[in-house]
Amino acid sequence: MGEVTLYHALPYGLCDGLRRRILPELYADVTPVMDLKRKMLRCHRSQGEWLGSSQGMDSYVGEMEHMSRRVGEMSGCFEFAEGWRRHSHRGFSGQDRDPLSELLGSACRVDSNYERGRE
């Protein structure tokens, strides 16, 4: 069996269940695909209806755009971004394995402060 690297997406609202801000380990630039993200999200009409009735969220596409812009600002270099954190490598792969960063290249920024905070 090969190595596996697990990533966690940032939570909705960019905070944990106790309202603490969650910072990503790495930022993926999604600026070039924002139109496609909007279009795909609009296809989830049942999700939009559920969010509207259960949480009073009338614009889940707008909320996605707002959060992507906030994460982009946090990155310091992308207009729109997604944030990701690697799961513990233990039992899955080598400690420094990061295929997402390798795959995305310049469209990815690893936060060195996050890395220092792990130690």
PDB file of N, CA and C in Angstrom:
ATOM      1  N   MET A   1       0.846  -1.183   0.000  1.00  0.00           N
ATOM      2  CA  MET A   1       0.000   0.000   0.000  1.00  0.00           C
ATOM      3  C   MET A   1       0.889   1.244   0.000  1.00  0.00           C
ATOM      4  N   GLY A   2       0.499   2.260  -0.734  1.00  0.00           N
ATOM      5  CA  GLY A   2       1.281   3.474  -0.848  1.00  0.00           C
ATOM      6  C   GLY A   2       1.003   4.467   0.269  1.00  0.00           C
ATOM      7  N   GLU A   3       1.728   5.562   0.204  1.00  0.00           N
ATOM      8  CA  GLU A   3       1.541   6.620   1.197  1.00  0.00           C
ATOM      9  C   GLU A   3       0.258   7.399   0.892  1.00  0.00           C
ATOM     10  N   VAL A   4      -0.341   7.930   1.954  1.00  0.00           N
ATOM     11  CA  VAL A   4      -1.567   8.717   1.839  1.00  0.00           C
ATOM     12  C   VAL A   4      -1.374  10.018   2.605  1.00  0.00           C
ATOM     13  N   THR A   5      -1.782  11.120   2.003  1.00  0.00           N
ATOM     14  CA  THR A   5      -1.756  12.413   2.685  1.00  0.00           C
ATOM     15  C   THR A   5      -3.187  12.923   2.759  1.00  0.00           C
ATOM     16  N   LEU A   6      -3.636  13.197   3.976  1.00  0.00           N
ATOM     17  CA  LEU A   6      -4.985  13.710   4.185  1.00  0.00           C
ATOM     18  C   LEU A   6      -4.931  15.208   4.460  1.00  0.00           C
ATOM     19  N   TYR A   7      -5.850  15.953   3.868  1.00  0.00           N
ATOM     20  CA  TYR A   7      -5.951  17.390   4.081  1.00  0.00           C
ATOM     21  C   TYR A   7      -7.322  17.711   4.666  1.00  0.00           C
ATOM     22  N   HIS A   8      -7.369  18.700   5.531  1.00  0.00           N
ATOM     23  CA  HIS A   8      -8.624  19.199   6.080  1.00  0.00           C
ATOM     24  C   HIS A   8      -8.894  20.577   5.480  1.00  0.00           C
ATOM     25  N   ALA A   9     -10.106  20.760   4.974  1.00  0.00           N
ATOM     26  CA  ALA A   9     -10.515  22.075   4.484  1.00  0.00           C
ATOM     27  C   ALA A   9     -10.811  22.972   5.681  1.00  0.00           C
ATOM     28  N   LEU A  10     -10.785  24.261   5.466  1.00  0.00           N
ATOM     29  CA  LEU A  10     -11.155  25.187   6.535  1.00  0.00           C
ATOM     30  C   LEU A  10     -12.650  25.055   6.818  1.00  0.00           C
ATOM     31  N   PRO A  11     -13.039  25.202   8.071  1.00  0.00           N
ATOM     32  CA  PRO A  11     -14.460  25.089   8.408  1.00  0.00           C
ATOM     33  C   PRO A  11     -15.246  26.313   7.941  1.00  0.00           C
ATOM     34  N   TYR A  12     -16.541  26.124   7.807  1.00  0.00           N
ATOM     35  CA  TYR A  12     -17.430  27.230   7.461  1.00  0.00           C
ATOM     36  C   TYR A  12     -17.269  28.342   8.491  1.00  0.00           C
ATOM     37  N   GLY A  13     -17.133  29.559   8.042  1.00  0.00           N
ATOM     38  CA  GLY A  13     -16.943  30.699   8.930  1.00  0.00           C
ATOM     39  C   GLY A  13     -15.506  30.892   9.364  1.00  0.00           C
ATOM     40  N   LEU A  14     -14.621  29.976   8.952  1.00  0.00           N
ATOM     41  CA  LEU A  14     -13.186  30.042   9.249  1.00  0.00           C
ATOM     42  C   LEU A  14     -12.895  29.972  10.745  1.00  0.00           C
ATOM     43  N   CYS A  15     -13.832  29.398  11.510  1.00  0.00           N
ATOM     44  CA  CYS A  15     -13.680  29.257  12.963  1.00  0.00           C
ATOM     45  C   CYS A  15     -14.052  27.836  13.369  1.00  0.00           C
ATOM     46  N   ASP A  16     -13.506  27.404  14.512  1.00  0.00           N
ATOM     47  CA  ASP A  16     -13.889  26.098  15.032  1.00  0.00           C
ATOM     48  C   ASP A  16     -15.199  26.216  15.809  1.00  0.00           C
ATOM     49  N   GLY A  17     -15.629  25.125  16.415  1.00  0.00           N
ATOM     50  CA  GLY A  17     -16.888  25.107  17.138  1.00  0.00           C
ATOM     51  C   GLY A  17     -16.919  26.001  18.360  1.00  0.00           C
ATOM     52  N   LEU A  18     -15.747  26.447  18.814  1.00  0.00           N
ATOM     53  CA  LEU A  18     -15.662  27.361  19.963  1.00  0.00           C
ATOM     54  C   LEU A  18     -15.358  28.794  19.522  1.00  0.00           C
ATOM     55  N   ARG A  19     -15.589  29.062  18.242  1.00  0.00           N
ATOM     56  CA  ARG A  19     -15.441  30.396  17.642  1.00  0.00           C
ATOM     57  C   ARG A  19     -14.000  30.870  17.526  1.00  0.00           C
ATOM     58  N   ARG A  20     -13.032  29.958  17.660  1.00  0.00           N
ATOM     59  CA  ARG A  20     -11.623  30.324  17.487  1.00  0.00           C
ATOM     60  C   ARG A  20     -11.280  30.274  16.010  1.00  0.00           C
ATOM     61  N   ARG A  21     -10.568  31.283  15.559  1.00  0.00           N
ATOM     62  CA  ARG A  21     -10.176  31.368  14.156  1.00  0.00           C
ATOM     63  C   ARG A  21      -9.242  30.209  13.812  1.00  0.00           C
ATOM     64  N   ILE A  22      -9.497  29.575  12.688  1.00  0.00           N
ATOM     65  CA  ILE A  22      -8.653  28.488  12.198  1.00  0.00           C
ATOM     66  C   ILE A  22      -7.817  29.028  11.049  1.00  0.00           C
ATOM     67  N   LEU A  23      -6.520  28.905  11.171  1.00  0.00           N
ATOM     68  CA  LEU A  23      -5.613  29.359  10.121  1.00  0.00           C
ATOM     69  C   LEU A  23      -5.138  28.169   9.306  1.00  0.00           C
ATOM     70  N   PRO A  24      -5.045  28.338   8.002  1.00  0.00           N
ATOM     71  CA  PRO A  24      -4.606  27.231   7.155  1.00  0.00           C
ATOM     72  C   PRO A  24      -3.091  27.071   7.158  1.00  0.00           C
ATOM     73  N   GLU A  25      -2.678  25.871   6.847  1.00  0.00           N
ATOM     74  CA  GLU A  25      -1.259  25.570   6.653  1.00  0.00           C
ATOM     75  C   GLU A  25      -0.833  26.002   5.258  1.00  0.00           C
ATOM     76  N   LEU A  26      -1.731  25.793   4.297  1.00  0.00           N
ATOM     77  CA  LEU A  26      -1.381  26.194   2.943  1.00  0.00           C
ATOM     78  C   LEU A  26      -2.588  26.804   2.254  1.00  0.00           C
ATOM     79  N   TYR A  27      -2.281  27.669   1.315  1.00  0.00           N
ATOM     80  CA  TYR A  27      -3.287  28.402   0.555  1.00  0.00           C
ATOM     81  C   TYR A  27      -3.205  27.967  -0.897  1.00  0.00           C
ATOM     82  N   ALA A  28      -4.352  27.632  -1.480  1.00  0.00           N
ATOM     83  CA  ALA A  28      -4.422  27.268  -2.893  1.00  0.00           C
ATOM     84  C   ALA A  28      -5.152  28.384  -3.638  1.00  0.00           C
ATOM     85  N   ASP A  29      -4.512  28.919  -4.654  1.00  0.00           N
ATOM     86  CA  ASP A  29      -5.095  29.990  -5.454  1.00  0.00           C
ATOM     87  C   ASP A  29      -6.255  29.445  -6.281  1.00  0.00           C
ATOM     88  N   VAL A  30      -7.452  29.966  -6.058  1.00  0.00           N
ATOM     89  CA  VAL A  30      -8.620  29.561  -6.841  1.00  0.00           C
ATOM     90  C   VAL A  30      -9.140  30.706  -7.704  1.00  0.00           C
ATOM     91  N   THR A  31      -8.380  31.793  -7.782  1.00  0.00           N
ATOM     92  CA  THR A  31      -8.792  32.957  -8.564  1.00  0.00           C
ATOM     93  C   THR A  31      -9.152  32.585 -10.006  1.00  0.00           C
ATOM     94  N   PRO A  32      -8.319  31.791 -10.699  1.00  0.00           N
ATOM     95  CA  PRO A  32      -8.651  31.478 -12.101  1.00  0.00           C
ATOM     96  C   PRO A  32      -9.904  30.629 -12.285  1.00  0.00           C
ATOM     97  N   VAL A  33     -10.395  29.983 -11.237  1.00  0.00           N
ATOM     98  CA  VAL A  33     -11.549  29.081 -11.380  1.00  0.00           C
ATOM     99  C   VAL A  33     -12.784  29.559 -10.614  1.00  0.00           C
ATOM    100  N   MET A  34     -12.788  30.798 -10.176  1.00  0.00           N
ATOM    101  CA  MET A  34     -13.932  31.289  -9.394  1.00  0.00           C
ATOM    102  C   MET A  34     -15.241  31.245 -10.178  1.00  0.00           C
ATOM    103  N   ASP A  35     -15.226  31.580 -11.460  1.00  0.00           N
ATOM    104  CA  ASP A  35     -16.464  31.519 -12.246  1.00  0.00           C
ATOM    105  C   ASP A  35     -17.002  30.092 -12.291  1.00  0.00           C
ATOM    106  N   LEU A  36     -16.110  29.124 -12.440  1.00  0.00           N
ATOM    107  CA  LEU A  36     -16.516  27.727 -12.461  1.00  0.00           C
ATOM    108  C   LEU A  36     -17.034  27.288 -11.089  1.00  0.00           C
ATOM    109  N   LYS A  37     -16.381  27.732 -10.007  1.00  0.00           N
ATOM    110  CA  LYS A  37     -16.859  27.401  -8.652  1.00  0.00           C
ATOM    111  C   LYS A  37     -18.269  27.937  -8.431  1.00  0.00           C
ATOM    112  N   ARG A  38     -18.511  29.166  -8.850  1.00  0.00           N
ATOM    113  CA  ARG A  38     -19.854  29.751  -8.710  1.00  0.00           C
ATOM    114  C   ARG A  38     -20.881  28.925  -9.483  1.00  0.00           C
ATOM    115  N   LYS A  39     -20.538  28.590 -10.709  1.00  0.00           N
ATOM    116  CA  LYS A  39     -21.448  27.837 -11.571  1.00  0.00           C
ATOM    117  C   LYS A  39     -21.742  26.463 -10.970  1.00  0.00           C
ATOM    118  N   MET A  40     -20.730  25.778 -10.499  1.00  0.00           N
ATOM    119  CA  MET A  40     -20.939  24.448  -9.922  1.00  0.00           C
ATOM    120  C   MET A  40     -21.764  24.524  -8.643  1.00  0.00           C
ATOM    121  N   LEU A  41     -21.484  25.506  -7.796  1.00  0.00           N
ATOM    122  CA  LEU A  41     -22.224  25.624  -6.547  1.00  0.00           C
ATOM    123  C   LEU A  41     -23.695  25.923  -6.794  1.00  0.00           C
ATOM    124  N   ARG A  42     -23.981  26.710  -7.821  1.00  0.00           N
ATOM    125  CA  ARG A  42     -25.385  27.003  -8.160  1.00  0.00           C
ATOM    126  C   ARG A  42     -26.147  25.748  -8.582  1.00  0.00           C
ATOM    127  N   CYS A  43     -25.444  24.714  -9.013  1.00  0.00           N
ATOM    128  CA  CYS A  43     -26.089  23.447  -9.395  1.00  0.00           C
ATOM    129  C   CYS A  43     -26.642  22.705  -8.183  1.00  0.00           C
ATOM    130  N   HIS A  44     -26.180  23.031  -7.005  1.00  0.00           N
ATOM    131  CA  HIS A  44     -26.628  22.374  -5.776  1.00  0.00           C
ATOM    132  C   HIS A  44     -27.858  23.088  -5.220  1.00  0.00           C
ATOM    133  N   ARG A  45     -28.944  23.071  -5.979  1.00  0.00           N
ATOM    134  CA  ARG A  45     -30.126  23.822  -5.577  1.00  0.00           C
ATOM    135  C   ARG A  45     -30.711  23.322  -4.262  1.00  0.00           C
ATOM    136  N   SER A  46     -30.714  22.023  -4.037  1.00  0.00           N
ATOM    137  CA  SER A  46     -31.272  21.507  -2.783  1.00  0.00           C
ATOM    138  C   SER A  46     -30.456  21.990  -1.587  1.00  0.00           C
ATOM    139  N   GLN A  47     -29.141  22.096  -1.761  1.00  0.00           N
ATOM    140  CA  GLN A  47     -28.285  22.622  -0.692  1.00  0.00           C
ATOM    141  C   GLN A  47     -28.641  24.077  -0.414  1.00  0.00           C
ATOM    142  N   GLY A  48     -28.828  24.841  -1.464  1.00  0.00           N
ATOM    143  CA  GLY A  48     -29.206  26.240  -1.294  1.00  0.00           C
ATOM    144  C   GLY A  48     -30.544  26.393  -0.600  1.00  0.00           C
ATOM    145  N   GLU A  49     -31.500  25.555  -0.966  1.00  0.00           N
ATOM    146  CA  GLU A  49     -32.812  25.606  -0.320  1.00  0.00           C
ATOM    147  C   GLU A  49     -32.708  25.234   1.152  1.00  0.00           C
ATOM    148  N   TRP A  50     -31.925  24.205   1.460  1.00  0.00           N
ATOM    149  CA  TRP A  50     -31.753  23.789   2.860  1.00  0.00           C
ATOM    150  C   TRP A  50     -31.072  24.888   3.674  1.00  0.00           C
ATOM    151  N   LEU A  51     -30.015  25.490   3.133  1.00  0.00           N
ATOM    152  CA  LEU A  51     -29.330  26.564   3.856  1.00  0.00           C
ATOM    153  C   LEU A  51     -30.247  27.755   4.070  1.00  0.00           C
ATOM    154  N   GLY A  52     -31.076  28.054   3.090  1.00  0.00           N
ATOM    155  CA  GLY A  52     -32.021  29.153   3.229  1.00  0.00           C
ATOM    156  C   GLY A  52     -33.038  28.909   4.327  1.00  0.00           C
ATOM    157  N   SER A  53     -33.590  27.693   4.372  1.00  0.00           N
ATOM    158  CA  SER A  53     -34.628  27.414   5.365  1.00  0.00           C
ATOM    159  C   SER A  53     -34.053  27.129   6.754  1.00  0.00           C
ATOM    160  N   SER A  54     -32.891  26.499   6.834  1.00  0.00           N
ATOM    161  CA  SER A  54     -32.353  26.117   8.146  1.00  0.00           C
ATOM    162  C   SER A  54     -31.488  27.191   8.789  1.00  0.00           C
ATOM    163  N   GLN A  55     -30.839  28.021   7.980  1.00  0.00           N
ATOM    164  CA  GLN A  55     -29.886  28.981   8.536  1.00  0.00           C
ATOM    165  C   GLN A  55     -30.116  30.401   8.062  1.00  0.00           C
ATOM    166  N   GLY A  56     -31.157  30.597   7.284  1.00  0.00           N
ATOM    167  CA  GLY A  56     -31.449  31.943   6.811  1.00  0.00           C
ATOM    168  C   GLY A  56     -30.391  32.483   5.861  1.00  0.00           C
ATOM    169  N   MET A  57     -29.651  31.584   5.230  1.00  0.00           N
ATOM    170  CA  MET A  57     -28.594  32.014   4.313  1.00  0.00           C
ATOM    171  C   MET A  57     -29.189  32.118   2.915  1.00  0.00           C
ATOM    172  N   ASP A  58     -29.392  33.326   2.443  1.00  0.00           N
ATOM    173  CA  ASP A  58     -30.048  33.490   1.154  1.00  0.00           C
ATOM    174  C   ASP A  58     -29.072  33.502  -0.015  1.00  0.00           C
ATOM    175  N   SER A  59     -27.777  33.534   0.251  1.00  0.00           N
ATOM    176  CA  SER A  59     -26.811  33.564  -0.835  1.00  0.00           C
ATOM    177  C   SER A  59     -25.597  32.709  -0.490  1.00  0.00           C
ATOM    178  N   TYR A  60     -25.754  31.401  -0.608  1.00  0.00           N
ATOM    179  CA  TYR A  60     -24.632  30.526  -0.294  1.00  0.00           C
ATOM    180  C   TYR A  60     -23.508  30.683  -1.304  1.00  0.00           C
ATOM    181  N   VAL A  61     -23.808  31.054  -2.531  1.00  0.00           N
ATOM    182  CA  VAL A  61     -22.763  31.311  -3.530  1.00  0.00           C
ATOM    183  C   VAL A  61     -22.000  32.574  -3.135  1.00  0.00           C
ATOM    184  N   GLY A  62     -22.717  33.593  -2.711  1.00  0.00           N
ATOM    185  CA  GLY A  62     -22.061  34.819  -2.242  1.00  0.00           C
ATOM    186  C   GLY A  62     -21.206  34.572  -1.013  1.00  0.00           C
ATOM    187  N   GLU A  63     -21.673  33.703  -0.120  1.00  0.00           N
ATOM    188  CA  GLU A  63     -20.898  33.372   1.073  1.00  0.00           C
ATOM    189  C   GLU A  63     -19.611  32.636   0.705  1.00  0.00           C
ATOM    190  N   MET A  64     -19.690  31.715  -0.263  1.00  0.00           N
ATOM    191  CA  MET A  64     -18.487  31.021  -0.732  1.00  0.00           C
ATOM    192  C   MET A  64     -17.494  32.036  -1.289  1.00  0.00           C
ATOM    193  N   GLU A  65     -17.996  32.971  -2.071  1.00  0.00           N
ATOM    194  CA  GLU A  65     -17.124  33.988  -2.657  1.00  0.00           C
ATOM    195  C   GLU A  65     -16.488  34.848  -1.564  1.00  0.00           C
ATOM    196  N   HIS A  66     -17.285  35.242  -0.576  1.00  0.00           N
ATOM    197  CA  HIS A  66     -16.778  36.065   0.527  1.00  0.00           C
ATOM    198  C   HIS A  66     -15.672  35.333   1.292  1.00  0.00           C
ATOM    199  N   MET A  67     -15.911  34.053   1.623  1.00  0.00           N
ATOM    200  CA  MET A  67     -14.903  33.291   2.363  1.00  0.00           C
ATOM    201  C   MET A  67     -13.652  33.073   1.516  1.00  0.00           C
ATOM    202  N   SER A  68     -13.823  32.815   0.226  1.00  0.00           N
ATOM    203  CA  SER A  68     -12.661  32.625  -0.654  1.00  0.00           C
ATOM    204  C   SER A  68     -11.841  33.906  -0.751  1.00  0.00           C
ATOM    205  N   ARG A  69     -12.527  35.046  -0.763  1.00  0.00           N
ATOM    206  CA  ARG A  69     -11.816  36.327  -0.795  1.00  0.00           C
ATOM    207  C   ARG A  69     -11.062  36.551   0.525  1.00  0.00           C
ATOM    208  N   ARG A  70     -11.707  36.231   1.668  1.00  0.00           N
ATOM    209  CA  ARG A  70     -11.046  36.384   2.970  1.00  0.00           C
ATOM    210  C   ARG A  70      -9.800  35.504   3.070  1.00  0.00           C
ATOM    211  N   VAL A  71      -9.912  34.267   2.617  1.00  0.00           N
ATOM    212  CA  VAL A  71      -8.751  33.373   2.655  1.00  0.00           C
ATOM    213  C   VAL A  71      -7.678  33.879   1.696  1.00  0.00           C
ATOM    214  N   GLY A  72      -8.084  34.413   0.565  1.00  0.00           N
ATOM    215  CA  GLY A  72      -7.117  35.027  -0.349  1.00  0.00           C
ATOM    216  C   GLY A  72      -6.369  36.174   0.303  1.00  0.00           C
ATOM    217  N   GLU A  73      -7.083  37.007   1.035  1.00  0.00           N
ATOM    218  CA  GLU A  73      -6.441  38.111   1.768  1.00  0.00           C
ATOM    219  C   GLU A  73      -5.478  37.567   2.821  1.00  0.00           C
ATOM    220  N   MET A  74      -5.882  36.493   3.519  1.00  0.00           N
ATOM    221  CA  MET A  74      -5.017  35.891   4.524  1.00  0.00           C
ATOM    222  C   MET A  74      -3.729  35.364   3.897  1.00  0.00           C
ATOM    223  N   SER A  75      -3.818  34.912   2.648  1.00  0.00           N
ATOM    224  CA  SER A  75      -2.640  34.353   1.975  1.00  0.00           C
ATOM    225  C   SER A  75      -1.578  35.408   1.718  1.00  0.00           C
ATOM    226  N   GLY A  76      -2.026  36.641   1.572  1.00  0.00           N
ATOM    227  CA  GLY A  76      -1.090  37.721   1.268  1.00  0.00           C
ATOM    228  C   GLY A  76      -0.652  37.768  -0.182  1.00  0.00           C
ATOM    229  N   CYS A  77      -1.205  36.879  -1.029  1.00  0.00           N
ATOM    230  CA  CYS A  77      -0.757  36.900  -2.428  1.00  0.00           C
ATOM    231  C   CYS A  77      -1.825  36.504  -3.447  1.00  0.00           C
ATOM    232  N   PHE A  78      -2.946  35.951  -3.018  1.00  0.00           N
ATOM    233  CA  PHE A  78      -3.979  35.522  -3.957  1.00  0.00           C
ATOM    234  C   PHE A  78      -5.256  36.339  -3.734  1.00  0.00           C
ATOM    235  N   GLU A  79      -5.980  36.616  -4.812  1.00  0.00           N
ATOM    236  CA  GLU A  79      -7.256  37.328  -4.664  1.00  0.00           C
ATOM    237  C   GLU A  79      -8.300  36.428  -4.007  1.00  0.00           C
ATOM    238  N   PHE A  80      -8.391  35.181  -4.473  1.00  0.00           N
ATOM    239  CA  PHE A  80      -9.296  34.179  -3.918  1.00  0.00           C
ATOM    240  C   PHE A  80      -8.479  32.925  -3.621  1.00  0.00           C
ATOM    241  N   ALA A  81      -8.741  32.306  -2.483  1.00  0.00           N
ATOM    242  CA  ALA A  81      -7.987  31.100  -2.136  1.00  0.00           C
ATOM    243  C   ALA A  81      -8.835  30.159  -1.288  1.00  0.00           C
ATOM    244  N   GLU A  82      -8.402  28.906  -1.261  1.00  0.00           N
ATOM    245  CA  GLU A  82      -8.906  27.925  -0.321  1.00  0.00           C
ATOM    246  C   GLU A  82      -7.782  27.641   0.659  1.00  0.00           C
ATOM    247  N   GLY A  83      -8.136  27.316   1.885  1.00  0.00           N
ATOM    248  CA  GLY A  83      -7.138  26.999   2.889  1.00  0.00           C
ATOM    249  C   GLY A  83      -7.216  25.535   3.284  1.00  0.00           C
ATOM    250  N   TRP A  84      -6.066  24.929   3.493  1.00  0.00           N
ATOM    251  CA  TRP A  84      -5.986  23.504   3.798  1.00  0.00           C
ATOM    252  C   TRP A  84      -4.983  23.261   4.920  1.00  0.00           C
ATOM    253  N   ARG A  85      -5.220  22.205   5.695  1.00  0.00           N
ATOM    254  CA  ARG A  85      -4.287  21.765   6.741  1.00  0.00           C
ATOM    255  C   ARG A  85      -4.067  20.270   6.574  1.00  0.00           C
ATOM    256  N   ARG A  86      -2.824  19.844   6.744  1.00  0.00           N
ATOM    257  CA  ARG A  86      -2.532  18.411   6.630  1.00  0.00           C
ATOM    258  C   ARG A  86      -2.856  17.699   7.938  1.00  0.00           C
ATOM    259  N   HIS A  87      -3.449  16.536   7.804  1.00  0.00           N
ATOM    260  CA  HIS A  87      -3.705  15.647   8.934  1.00  0.00           C
ATOM    261  C   HIS A  87      -2.350  15.079   9.391  1.00  0.00           C
ATOM    262  N   SER A  88      -2.269  14.636  10.616  1.00  0.00           N
ATOM    263  CA  SER A  88      -1.043  14.013  11.099  1.00  0.00           C
ATOM    264  C   SER A  88      -0.606  12.905  10.141  1.00  0.00           C
ATOM    265  N   HIS A  89       0.660  12.882   9.867  1.00  0.00           N
ATOM    266  CA  HIS A  89       1.220  11.910   8.934  1.00  0.00           C
ATOM    267  C   HIS A  89       1.313  10.502   9.530  1.00  0.00           C
ATOM    268  N   ARG A  90       1.298  10.402  10.840  1.00  0.00           N
ATOM    269  CA  ARG A  90       1.535   9.124  11.511  1.00  0.00           C
ATOM    270  C   ARG A  90       0.561   8.051  11.038  1.00  0.00           C
ATOM    271  N   GLY A  91       1.133   6.959  10.559  1.00  0.00           N
ATOM    272  CA  GLY A  91       0.354   5.844  10.054  1.00  0.00           C
ATOM    273  C   GLY A  91      -0.087   5.993   8.610  1.00  0.00           C
ATOM    274  N   PHE A  92       0.228   7.137   7.999  1.00  0.00           N
ATOM    275  CA  PHE A  92      -0.215   7.377   6.635  1.00  0.00           C
ATOM    276  C   PHE A  92       0.922   7.594   5.644  1.00  0.00           C
ATOM    277  N   SER A  93       1.918   8.413   6.043  1.00  0.00           N
ATOM    278  CA  SER A  93       2.959   8.786   5.089  1.00  0.00           C
ATOM    279  C   SER A  93       4.157   9.379   5.828  1.00  0.00           C
ATOM    280  N   GLY A  94       5.156   9.765   5.054  1.00  0.00           N
ATOM    281  CA  GLY A  94       6.297  10.462   5.620  1.00  0.00           C
ATOM    282  C   GLY A  94       5.884  11.830   6.135  1.00  0.00           C
ATOM    283  N   GLN A  95       6.584  12.322   7.118  1.00  0.00           N
ATOM    284  CA  GLN A  95       6.226  13.579   7.782  1.00  0.00           C
ATOM    285  C   GLN A  95       6.177  14.770   6.840  1.00  0.00           C
ATOM    286  N   ASP A  96       7.074  14.853   5.888  1.00  0.00           N
ATOM    287  CA  ASP A  96       7.153  16.030   5.020  1.00  0.00           C
ATOM    288  C   ASP A  96       6.394  15.874   3.709  1.00  0.00           C
ATOM    289  N   ARG A  97       5.651  14.837   3.545  1.00  0.00           N
ATOM    290  CA  ARG A  97       4.914  14.604   2.301  1.00  0.00           C
ATOM    291  C   ARG A  97       3.808  15.661   2.149  1.00  0.00           C
ATOM    292  N   ASP A  98       3.800  16.326   1.005  1.00  0.00           N
ATOM    293  CA  ASP A  98       2.807  17.376   0.734  1.00  0.00           C
ATOM    294  C   ASP A  98       2.518  17.419  -0.771  1.00  0.00           C
ATOM    295  N   PRO A  99       1.785  16.425  -1.278  1.00  0.00           N
ATOM    296  CA  PRO A  99       1.545  16.374  -2.726  1.00  0.00           C
ATOM    297  C   PRO A  99       0.720  17.539  -3.267  1.00  0.00           C
ATOM    298  N   LEU A 100      -0.124  18.145  -2.445  1.00  0.00           N
ATOM    299  CA  LEU A 100      -0.917  19.278  -2.929  1.00  0.00           C
ATOM    300  C   LEU A 100      -0.013  20.446  -3.302  1.00  0.00           C
ATOM    301  N   SER A 101       0.931  20.770  -2.448  1.00  0.00           N
ATOM    302  CA  SER A 101       1.878  21.849  -2.753  1.00  0.00           C
ATOM    303  C   SER A 101       2.701  21.522  -3.989  1.00  0.00           C
ATOM    304  N   GLU A 102       3.133  20.280  -4.089  1.00  0.00           N
ATOM    305  CA  GLU A 102       3.925  19.869  -5.248  1.00  0.00           C
ATOM    306  C   GLU A 102       3.112  19.999  -6.531  1.00  0.00           C
ATOM    307  N   LEU A 103       1.866  19.570  -6.486  1.00  0.00           N
ATOM    308  CA  LEU A 103       1.006  19.602  -7.660  1.00  0.00           C
ATOM    309  C   LEU A 103       0.677  21.032  -8.089  1.00  0.00           C
ATOM    310  N   LEU A 104       0.368  21.899  -7.115  1.00  0.00           N
ATOM    311  CA  LEU A 104      -0.058  23.267  -7.435  1.00  0.00           C
ATOM    312  C   LEU A 104       1.094  24.215  -7.741  1.00  0.00           C
ATOM    313  N   GLY A 105       2.272  23.931  -7.255  1.00  0.00           N
ATOM    314  CA  GLY A 105       3.435  24.780  -7.536  1.00  0.00           C
ATOM    315  C   GLY A 105       3.222  26.213  -7.097  1.00  0.00           C
ATOM    316  N   SER A 106       3.343  27.147  -8.032  1.00  0.00           N
ATOM    317  CA  SER A 106       3.239  28.571  -7.697  1.00  0.00           C
ATOM    318  C   SER A 106       1.815  28.993  -7.340  1.00  0.00           C
ATOM    319  N   ALA A 107       0.831  28.122  -7.573  1.00  0.00           N
ATOM    320  CA  ALA A 107      -0.552  28.428  -7.194  1.00  0.00           C
ATOM    321  C   ALA A 107      -0.828  28.016  -5.748  1.00  0.00           C
ATOM    322  N   CYS A 108       0.237  27.710  -5.008  1.00  0.00           N
ATOM    323  CA  CYS A 108       0.112  27.301  -3.616  1.00  0.00           C
ATOM    324  C   CYS A 108       1.144  28.054  -2.778  1.00  0.00           C
ATOM    325  N   ARG A 109       0.723  28.464  -1.590  1.00  0.00           N
ATOM    326  CA  ARG A 109       1.636  29.120  -0.658  1.00  0.00           C
ATOM    327  C   ARG A 109       1.522  28.421   0.687  1.00  0.00           C
ATOM    328  N   VAL A 110       2.657  27.920   1.206  1.00  0.00           N
ATOM    329  CA  VAL A 110       2.693  27.305   2.532  1.00  0.00           C
ATOM    330  C   VAL A 110       3.007  28.393   3.540  1.00  0.00           C
ATOM    331  N   ASP A 111       2.247  28.469   4.607  1.00  0.00           N
ATOM    332  CA  ASP A 111       2.438  29.473   5.651  1.00  0.00           C
ATOM    333  C   ASP A 111       3.546  29.012   6.593  1.00  0.00           C
ATOM    334  N   SER A 112       4.684  29.660   6.527  1.00  0.00           N
ATOM    335  CA  SER A 112       5.829  29.265   7.363  1.00  0.00           C
ATOM    336  C   SER A 112       5.541  29.467   8.848  1.00  0.00           C
ATOM    337  N   ASN A 113       4.691  30.416   9.208  1.00  0.00           N
ATOM    338  CA  ASN A 113       4.313  30.600  10.612  1.00  0.00           C
ATOM    339  C   ASN A 113       3.540  29.394  11.131  1.00  0.00           C
ATOM    340  N   TYR A 114       2.681  28.834  10.296  1.00  0.00           N
ATOM    341  CA  TYR A 114       1.939  27.631  10.685  1.00  0.00           C
ATOM    342  C   TYR A 114       2.927  26.495  10.947  1.00  0.00           C
ATOM    343  N   GLU A 115       3.878  26.360  10.052  1.00  0.00           N
ATOM    344  CA  GLU A 115       4.878  25.299  10.204  1.00  0.00           C
ATOM    345  C   GLU A 115       5.658  25.457  11.497  1.00  0.00           C
ATOM    346  N   ARG A 116       6.058  26.666  11.833  1.00  0.00           N
ATOM    347  CA  ARG A 116       6.808  26.893  13.086  1.00  0.00           C
ATOM    348  C   ARG A 116       5.945  26.606  14.304  1.00  0.00           C
ATOM    349  N   GLY A 117       4.641  26.841  14.195  1.00  0.00           N
ATOM    350  CA  GLY A 117       3.731  26.607  15.317  1.00  0.00           C
ATOM    351  C   GLY A 117       3.510  25.125  15.609  1.00  0.00           C
ATOM    352  N   ARG A 118       3.855  24.275  14.667  1.00  0.00           N
ATOM    353  CA  ARG A 118       3.693  22.838  14.872  1.00  0.00           C
ATOM    354  C   ARG A 118       4.776  22.261  15.774  1.00  0.00           C
ATOM    355  N   GLU A 119       5.875  22.937  15.858  1.00  0.00           N
ATOM    356  CA  GLU A 119       7.030  22.396  16.581  1.00  0.00           C
ATOM    357  C   GLU A 119       6.900  22.552  18.067  1.00  0.00           C
TER     358      GLU A 119
END
